[in-house]
């Protein structure tokens, strides 16, 4: 697959797109993430999952709608809360799932929405393994590739990156998900339930930005190990 082309304008009809961001203790970066998204997307909703650092208030000041979990329930639960909210919004047509830590790129999200519109796709999965721009490191690459193999065996879909948090989901597909996995295994659950819809899908090459910030939080390999543990015990 070729590398993404120039940034496409998501503004026409952008009112029908909602960006859903699970949020947990990202006070130093969430304002930048939201303000960048607002360059192209009007509707941004953060699900504050019991943060203790003031992330929710910063997100509100940045212009996002904020839904609050009083205690930490996990990323899967946060996504489900966001999905249920979007499904109540008049005119909502697409959801973009987007991480709060600054690893995802606005350009990729915009181009994935444009692809979904142009080719009438219900699901577009972001993949960091369709080109060579993303370097997750050897250990994380091995773990993620193992998780992809497990997910593909479980779901029957053939993805190259099953646990990338950047996705576009049309609301007719979204209404048929109903996540019950609260933690990291929700990513496999999403793939499984979207696959069962038999609606058209595609992968799209994206770049993940592994920053000093995300590495300092210990997310690089630890989250990948958590994915495998959740897949085994779920």
C-alpha atoms as a PDB file:
ATOM      1  CA  UNK A   1       0.000   0.000   0.000  1.00  0.00           C
ATOM      2  CA  UNK A   2       1.251   3.463  -0.800  1.00  0.00           C
ATOM      3  CA  UNK A   3       2.042   6.056   1.828  1.00  0.00           C
ATOM      4  CA  UNK A   4      -0.761   8.503   2.676  1.00  0.00           C
ATOM      5  CA  UNK A   5      -1.115  11.463   0.378  1.00  0.00           C
ATOM      6  CA  UNK A   6      -1.491  15.160   1.323  1.00  0.00           C
ATOM      7  CA  UNK A   7      -3.808  16.165   4.131  1.00  0.00           C
ATOM      8  CA  UNK A   8      -7.378  16.127   2.871  1.00  0.00           C
ATOM      9  CA  UNK A   9      -9.947  18.609   4.125  1.00  0.00           C
ATOM     10  CA  UNK A  10     -12.336  16.956   6.599  1.00  0.00           C
ATOM     11  CA  UNK A  11     -14.212  20.172   7.206  1.00  0.00           C
ATOM     12  CA  UNK A  12     -17.141  19.639   4.820  1.00  0.00           C
ATOM     13  CA  UNK A  13     -19.553  17.460   6.764  1.00  0.00           C
ATOM     14  CA  UNK A  14     -17.204  17.308   9.751  1.00  0.00           C
ATOM     15  CA  UNK A  15     -20.195  17.901  12.016  1.00  0.00           C
ATOM     16  CA  UNK A  16     -21.068  14.237  11.481  1.00  0.00           C
ATOM     17  CA  UNK A  17     -17.716  13.041  12.874  1.00  0.00           C
ATOM     18  CA  UNK A  18     -17.030  12.577  16.587  1.00  0.00           C
ATOM     19  CA  UNK A  19     -13.533  12.009  17.936  1.00  0.00           C
ATOM     20  CA  UNK A  20     -13.616   9.787  21.046  1.00  0.00           C
ATOM     21  CA  UNK A  21     -10.616   9.992  23.386  1.00  0.00           C
ATOM     22  CA  UNK A  22     -10.163   7.770  26.458  1.00  0.00           C
ATOM     23  CA  UNK A  23      -8.421  10.014  28.983  1.00  0.00           C
ATOM     24  CA  UNK A  24      -6.447   9.015  32.069  1.00  0.00           C
ATOM     25  CA  UNK A  25      -3.837  11.289  33.675  1.00  0.00           C
ATOM     26  CA  UNK A  26      -2.600  13.069  30.533  1.00  0.00           C
ATOM     27  CA  UNK A  27      -2.705  16.617  31.896  1.00  0.00           C
ATOM     28  CA  UNK A  28       0.538  17.724  30.213  1.00  0.00           C
ATOM     29  CA  UNK A  29      -0.470  16.778  26.654  1.00  0.00           C
ATOM     30  CA  UNK A  30      -4.255  16.610  26.350  1.00  0.00           C
ATOM     31  CA  UNK A  31      -4.729  20.320  25.613  1.00  0.00           C
ATOM     32  CA  UNK A  32      -2.386  20.122  22.623  1.00  0.00           C
ATOM     33  CA  UNK A  33      -4.069  16.937  21.378  1.00  0.00           C
ATOM     34  CA  UNK A  34      -7.537  18.517  21.508  1.00  0.00           C
ATOM     35  CA  UNK A  35      -6.516  21.835  19.973  1.00  0.00           C
ATOM     36  CA  UNK A  36      -4.809  20.017  17.100  1.00  0.00           C
ATOM     37  CA  UNK A  37      -7.930  17.917  16.484  1.00  0.00           C
ATOM     38  CA  UNK A  38     -10.124  21.023  16.465  1.00  0.00           C
ATOM     39  CA  UNK A  39      -8.283  22.234  13.374  1.00  0.00           C
ATOM     40  CA  UNK A  40     -10.328  19.685  11.423  1.00  0.00           C
ATOM     41  CA  UNK A  41     -12.920  18.124  13.734  1.00  0.00           C
ATOM     42  CA  UNK A  42     -15.604  20.097  15.534  1.00  0.00           C
ATOM     43  CA  UNK A  43     -16.784  17.325  17.866  1.00  0.00           C
ATOM     44  CA  UNK A  44     -14.304  15.930  20.374  1.00  0.00           C
ATOM     45  CA  UNK A  45     -15.413  13.976  23.450  1.00  0.00           C
ATOM     46  CA  UNK A  46     -13.017  12.848  26.172  1.00  0.00           C
ATOM     47  CA  UNK A  47     -13.962  10.137  28.631  1.00  0.00           C
ATOM     48  CA  UNK A  48     -12.064  10.964  31.795  1.00  0.00           C
ATOM     49  CA  UNK A  49     -11.444   7.583  33.402  1.00  0.00           C
ATOM     50  CA  UNK A  50     -10.906   8.595  37.017  1.00  0.00           C
ATOM     51  CA  UNK A  51      -7.951  10.918  36.419  1.00  0.00           C
ATOM     52  CA  UNK A  52      -6.341  12.435  39.496  1.00  0.00           C
ATOM     53  CA  UNK A  53      -4.230  15.125  37.788  1.00  0.00           C
ATOM     54  CA  UNK A  54      -6.831  17.594  36.504  1.00  0.00           C
ATOM     55  CA  UNK A  55      -6.917  16.192  32.957  1.00  0.00           C
ATOM     56  CA  UNK A  56     -10.704  16.581  32.737  1.00  0.00           C
ATOM     57  CA  UNK A  57     -10.680  20.314  33.463  1.00  0.00           C
ATOM     58  CA  UNK A  58      -7.858  20.925  30.985  1.00  0.00           C
ATOM     59  CA  UNK A  59      -9.796  19.004  28.326  1.00  0.00           C
ATOM     60  CA  UNK A  60     -12.909  21.109  28.987  1.00  0.00           C
ATOM     61  CA  UNK A  61     -10.938  24.351  28.707  1.00  0.00           C
ATOM     62  CA  UNK A  62      -9.501  23.131  25.418  1.00  0.00           C
ATOM     63  CA  UNK A  63     -13.035  22.795  24.070  1.00  0.00           C
ATOM     64  CA  UNK A  64     -13.806  19.093  24.390  1.00  0.00           C
ATOM     65  CA  UNK A  65     -16.975  17.583  25.758  1.00  0.00           C
ATOM     66  CA  UNK A  66     -15.954  15.608  28.854  1.00  0.00           C
ATOM     67  CA  UNK A  67     -17.722  12.547  30.260  1.00  0.00           C
ATOM     68  CA  UNK A  68     -16.479  11.315  33.635  1.00  0.00           C
ATOM     69  CA  UNK A  69     -15.944   7.939  35.242  1.00  0.00           C
ATOM     70  CA  UNK A  70     -15.613   8.508  39.007  1.00  0.00           C
ATOM     71  CA  UNK A  71     -13.113   5.629  39.218  1.00  0.00           C
ATOM     72  CA  UNK A  72     -10.697   4.100  36.744  1.00  0.00           C
ATOM     73  CA  UNK A  73     -12.532   1.435  34.703  1.00  0.00           C
ATOM     74  CA  UNK A  74     -10.114   0.887  31.821  1.00  0.00           C
ATOM     75  CA  UNK A  75      -9.761   1.946  28.211  1.00  0.00           C
ATOM     76  CA  UNK A  76     -12.400  -0.452  26.905  1.00  0.00           C
ATOM     77  CA  UNK A  77     -14.994   0.919  29.310  1.00  0.00           C
ATOM     78  CA  UNK A  78     -14.059   4.474  28.337  1.00  0.00           C
ATOM     79  CA  UNK A  79     -14.520   3.733  24.659  1.00  0.00           C
ATOM     80  CA  UNK A  80     -17.896   2.120  25.275  1.00  0.00           C
ATOM     81  CA  UNK A  81     -19.048   5.173  27.242  1.00  0.00           C
ATOM     82  CA  UNK A  82     -17.950   7.368  24.356  1.00  0.00           C
ATOM     83  CA  UNK A  83     -19.635   5.154  21.774  1.00  0.00           C
ATOM     84  CA  UNK A  84     -22.934   5.183  23.656  1.00  0.00           C
ATOM     85  CA  UNK A  85     -22.770   8.980  23.903  1.00  0.00           C
ATOM     86  CA  UNK A  86     -22.065   9.480  20.198  1.00  0.00           C
ATOM     87  CA  UNK A  87     -24.934   7.196  19.223  1.00  0.00           C
ATOM     88  CA  UNK A  88     -27.307   9.655  20.954  1.00  0.00           C
ATOM     89  CA  UNK A  89     -26.020  12.633  18.944  1.00  0.00           C
ATOM     90  CA  UNK A  90     -28.205  13.744  16.019  1.00  0.00           C
ATOM     91  CA  UNK A  91     -26.451  13.432  12.672  1.00  0.00           C
ATOM     92  CA  UNK A  92     -23.477  11.444  13.972  1.00  0.00           C
ATOM     93  CA  UNK A  93     -22.105   9.312  11.125  1.00  0.00           C
ATOM     94  CA  UNK A  94     -18.503   8.430  12.018  1.00  0.00           C
ATOM     95  CA  UNK A  95     -16.427   7.925  15.158  1.00  0.00           C
ATOM     96  CA  UNK A  96     -12.673   8.377  15.236  1.00  0.00           C
ATOM     97  CA  UNK A  97     -10.986   6.667  18.202  1.00  0.00           C
ATOM     98  CA  UNK A  98      -7.890   8.632  19.154  1.00  0.00           C
ATOM     99  CA  UNK A  99      -5.315   8.268  21.942  1.00  0.00           C
ATOM    100  CA  UNK A 100      -4.799  11.041  24.497  1.00  0.00           C
ATOM    101  CA  UNK A 101      -1.007  10.794  24.726  1.00  0.00           C
ATOM    102  CA  UNK A 102      -0.057  12.486  21.451  1.00  0.00           C
ATOM    103  CA  UNK A 103       0.993   9.349  19.564  1.00  0.00           C
ATOM    104  CA  UNK A 104      -1.625   9.671  16.823  1.00  0.00           C
ATOM    105  CA  UNK A 105      -1.472  12.163  13.958  1.00  0.00           C
ATOM    106  CA  UNK A 106      -4.305  14.463  12.906  1.00  0.00           C
ATOM    107  CA  UNK A 107      -3.367  13.940   9.245  1.00  0.00           C
ATOM    108  CA  UNK A 108      -3.948  10.206   9.517  1.00  0.00           C
ATOM    109  CA  UNK A 109      -7.343  10.626  11.182  1.00  0.00           C
ATOM    110  CA  UNK A 110      -8.485  13.097   8.520  1.00  0.00           C
ATOM    111  CA  UNK A 111      -7.368  10.873   5.656  1.00  0.00           C
ATOM    112  CA  UNK A 112      -9.005   7.806   7.204  1.00  0.00           C
ATOM    113  CA  UNK A 113     -12.352   9.632   7.425  1.00  0.00           C
ATOM    114  CA  UNK A 114     -11.941  10.773   3.827  1.00  0.00           C
ATOM    115  CA  UNK A 115     -11.253   7.172   2.755  1.00  0.00           C
ATOM    116  CA  UNK A 116     -14.327   5.899   4.609  1.00  0.00           C
ATOM    117  CA  UNK A 117     -16.483   8.497   2.842  1.00  0.00           C
ATOM    118  CA  UNK A 118     -14.989   8.001  -0.610  1.00  0.00           C
ATOM    119  CA  UNK A 119     -15.143   4.192  -0.625  1.00  0.00           C
ATOM    120  CA  UNK A 120     -18.263   3.762   1.540  1.00  0.00           C
ATOM    121  CA  UNK A 121     -16.373   1.853   4.229  1.00  0.00           C
ATOM    122  CA  UNK A 122     -17.871   1.071   7.633  1.00  0.00           C
ATOM    123  CA  UNK A 123     -14.493   0.558   9.326  1.00  0.00           C
ATOM    124  CA  UNK A 124     -10.980   1.829   8.678  1.00  0.00           C
ATOM    125  CA  UNK A 125      -8.262   0.366  10.891  1.00  0.00           C
ATOM    126  CA  UNK A 126      -5.029   2.300  11.302  1.00  0.00           C
ATOM    127  CA  UNK A 127      -1.914   0.163  10.852  1.00  0.00           C
ATOM    128  CA  UNK A 128       1.635   1.101  11.810  1.00  0.00           C
ATOM    129  CA  UNK A 129       2.969  -1.955   9.946  1.00  0.00           C
ATOM    130  CA  UNK A 130       1.881  -1.142   6.379  1.00  0.00           C
ATOM    131  CA  UNK A 131       4.934   1.047   5.888  1.00  0.00           C
ATOM    132  CA  UNK A 132       8.225   1.700   7.662  1.00  0.00           C
ATOM    133  CA  UNK A 133       7.626   5.136   9.215  1.00  0.00           C
ATOM    134  CA  UNK A 134       6.888   3.807  12.712  1.00  0.00           C
ATOM    135  CA  UNK A 135       9.643   2.177  14.737  1.00  0.00           C
ATOM    136  CA  UNK A 136       8.155   0.627  17.882  1.00  0.00           C
ATOM    137  CA  UNK A 137      11.388  -1.137  18.839  1.00  0.00           C
ATOM    138  CA  UNK A 138      12.220  -4.804  18.529  1.00  0.00           C
ATOM    139  CA  UNK A 139      10.584  -6.023  21.755  1.00  0.00           C
ATOM    140  CA  UNK A 140       7.327  -4.193  21.200  1.00  0.00           C
ATOM    141  CA  UNK A 141       7.210  -5.200  17.530  1.00  0.00           C
ATOM    142  CA  UNK A 142       7.488  -8.890  18.463  1.00  0.00           C
ATOM    143  CA  UNK A 143       4.778  -8.598  21.122  1.00  0.00           C
ATOM    144  CA  UNK A 144       2.435  -6.651  18.841  1.00  0.00           C
ATOM    145  CA  UNK A 145       2.954  -9.066  15.958  1.00  0.00           C
ATOM    146  CA  UNK A 146       2.114 -11.923  18.330  1.00  0.00           C
ATOM    147  CA  UNK A 147      -1.042 -10.089  19.397  1.00  0.00           C
ATOM    148  CA  UNK A 148      -1.976  -9.617  15.729  1.00  0.00           C
ATOM    149  CA  UNK A 149      -1.583 -13.354  15.122  1.00  0.00           C
ATOM    150  CA  UNK A 150      -3.778 -14.202  18.133  1.00  0.00           C
ATOM    151  CA  UNK A 151      -6.396 -11.643  17.086  1.00  0.00           C
ATOM    152  CA  UNK A 152      -6.507 -12.852  13.491  1.00  0.00           C
ATOM    153  CA  UNK A 153      -6.856 -16.461  14.620  1.00  0.00           C
ATOM    154  CA  UNK A 154      -9.672 -15.450  16.981  1.00  0.00           C
ATOM    155  CA  UNK A 155     -11.602 -13.104  14.716  1.00  0.00           C
ATOM    156  CA  UNK A 156     -11.077 -14.499  11.237  1.00  0.00           C
ATOM    157  CA  UNK A 157      -9.977 -11.092   9.911  1.00  0.00           C
ATOM    158  CA  UNK A 158      -6.529 -10.608   8.443  1.00  0.00           C
ATOM    159  CA  UNK A 159      -5.096  -7.426   9.903  1.00  0.00           C
ATOM    160  CA  UNK A 160      -1.501  -6.257  10.084  1.00  0.00           C
ATOM    161  CA  UNK A 161      -2.023  -4.221  13.282  1.00  0.00           C
ATOM    162  CA  UNK A 162      -4.876  -5.298  15.539  1.00  0.00           C
ATOM    163  CA  UNK A 163      -4.109  -3.070  18.534  1.00  0.00           C
ATOM    164  CA  UNK A 164      -3.770   0.380  17.041  1.00  0.00           C
ATOM    165  CA  UNK A 165      -6.052   2.836  18.815  1.00  0.00           C
ATOM    166  CA  UNK A 166      -6.628   4.967  15.703  1.00  0.00           C
ATOM    167  CA  UNK A 167      -9.774   3.762  13.935  1.00  0.00           C
ATOM    168  CA  UNK A 168     -12.725   5.156  12.019  1.00  0.00           C
ATOM    169  CA  UNK A 169     -16.059   3.415  12.635  1.00  0.00           C
ATOM    170  CA  UNK A 170     -19.339   4.287  10.947  1.00  0.00           C
ATOM    171  CA  UNK A 171     -22.228   4.510  13.382  1.00  0.00           C
ATOM    172  CA  UNK A 172     -24.182   1.612  11.876  1.00  0.00           C
ATOM    173  CA  UNK A 173     -21.206  -0.596  12.750  1.00  0.00           C
ATOM    174  CA  UNK A 174     -20.652   1.186  16.062  1.00  0.00           C
ATOM    175  CA  UNK A 175     -24.162   0.326  17.239  1.00  0.00           C
ATOM    176  CA  UNK A 176     -23.339  -3.363  16.914  1.00  0.00           C
ATOM    177  CA  UNK A 177     -20.197  -3.437  19.074  1.00  0.00           C
ATOM    178  CA  UNK A 178     -21.225  -3.323  22.762  1.00  0.00           C
ATOM    179  CA  UNK A 179     -17.813  -3.705  24.446  1.00  0.00           C
ATOM    180  CA  UNK A 180     -17.594  -5.805  27.600  1.00  0.00           C
ATOM    181  CA  UNK A 181     -13.789  -6.023  27.841  1.00  0.00           C
ATOM    182  CA  UNK A 182     -12.733  -3.105  30.014  1.00  0.00           C
ATOM    183  CA  UNK A 183      -8.971  -3.380  29.679  1.00  0.00           C
ATOM    184  CA  UNK A 184      -6.582  -3.775  26.720  1.00  0.00           C
ATOM    185  CA  UNK A 185      -8.312  -6.862  25.252  1.00  0.00           C
ATOM    186  CA  UNK A 186     -11.098  -4.544  24.107  1.00  0.00           C
ATOM    187  CA  UNK A 187      -9.071  -4.007  20.918  1.00  0.00           C
ATOM    188  CA  UNK A 188      -9.485  -7.657  19.944  1.00  0.00           C
ATOM    189  CA  UNK A 189     -13.141  -7.514  20.958  1.00  0.00           C
ATOM    190  CA  UNK A 190     -13.696  -4.530  18.649  1.00  0.00           C
ATOM    191  CA  UNK A 191     -12.131  -6.419  15.739  1.00  0.00           C
ATOM    192  CA  UNK A 192     -14.195  -9.533  16.496  1.00  0.00           C
ATOM    193  CA  UNK A 193     -17.515  -7.689  16.674  1.00  0.00           C
ATOM    194  CA  UNK A 194     -16.823  -5.477  13.681  1.00  0.00           C
ATOM    195  CA  UNK A 195     -15.859  -8.549  11.682  1.00  0.00           C
ATOM    196  CA  UNK A 196     -19.177 -10.169  12.539  1.00  0.00           C
ATOM    197  CA  UNK A 197     -21.051  -7.253  10.985  1.00  0.00           C
ATOM    198  CA  UNK A 198     -19.723  -8.242   7.520  1.00  0.00           C
ATOM    199  CA  UNK A 199     -19.584  -4.545   6.707  1.00  0.00           C
ATOM    200  CA  UNK A 200     -16.808  -3.285   4.394  1.00  0.00           C
ATOM    201  CA  UNK A 201     -13.483  -2.456   6.024  1.00  0.00           C
ATOM    202  CA  UNK A 202      -9.914  -1.597   5.143  1.00  0.00           C
ATOM    203  CA  UNK A 203      -6.573  -0.886   6.787  1.00  0.00           C
ATOM    204  CA  UNK A 204      -4.762   2.411   6.293  1.00  0.00           C
ATOM    205  CA  UNK A 205      -1.041   3.123   6.878  1.00  0.00           C
ATOM    206  CA  UNK A 206      -0.500   5.466   9.821  1.00  0.00           C
ATOM    207  CA  UNK A 207       2.512   6.719  11.728  1.00  0.00           C
ATOM    208  CA  UNK A 208       2.654   6.438  15.511  1.00  0.00           C
ATOM    209  CA  UNK A 209       4.835   8.976  17.291  1.00  0.00           C
ATOM    210  CA  UNK A 210       6.667   7.284  20.155  1.00  0.00           C
ATOM    211  CA  UNK A 211       7.680  10.347  22.146  1.00  0.00           C
ATOM    212  CA  UNK A 212       9.930  10.806  25.152  1.00  0.00           C
ATOM    213  CA  UNK A 213       6.737  11.525  27.091  1.00  0.00           C
ATOM    214  CA  UNK A 214       5.050   8.233  26.259  1.00  0.00           C
ATOM    215  CA  UNK A 215       8.259   6.280  26.813  1.00  0.00           C
ATOM    216  CA  UNK A 216       8.767   7.965  30.191  1.00  0.00           C
ATOM    217  CA  UNK A 217       5.327   6.747  31.236  1.00  0.00           C
ATOM    218  CA  UNK A 218       6.468   3.201  30.541  1.00  0.00           C
ATOM    219  CA  UNK A 219       3.858   2.605  27.839  1.00  0.00           C
ATOM    220  CA  UNK A 220       6.114   1.326  25.071  1.00  0.00           C
ATOM    221  CA  UNK A 221       6.492  -2.330  26.059  1.00  0.00           C
ATOM    222  CA  UNK A 222       4.342  -2.603  29.191  1.00  0.00           C
ATOM    223  CA  UNK A 223       1.073  -1.919  27.372  1.00  0.00           C
ATOM    224  CA  UNK A 224       1.985  -4.492  24.772  1.00  0.00           C
ATOM    225  CA  UNK A 225       2.576  -7.108  27.472  1.00  0.00           C
ATOM    226  CA  UNK A 226      -0.764  -6.157  29.035  1.00  0.00           C
ATOM    227  CA  UNK A 227      -2.417  -6.791  25.677  1.00  0.00           C
ATOM    228  CA  UNK A 228      -1.052 -10.329  25.559  1.00  0.00           C
ATOM    229  CA  UNK A 229      -1.999 -11.036  29.177  1.00  0.00           C
ATOM    230  CA  UNK A 230      -5.561  -9.825  28.590  1.00  0.00           C
ATOM    231  CA  UNK A 231      -5.836 -11.889  25.420  1.00  0.00           C
ATOM    232  CA  UNK A 232      -4.784 -15.019  27.316  1.00  0.00           C
ATOM    233  CA  UNK A 233      -7.003 -14.578  30.387  1.00  0.00           C
ATOM    234  CA  UNK A 234     -10.115 -13.020  28.785  1.00  0.00           C
END
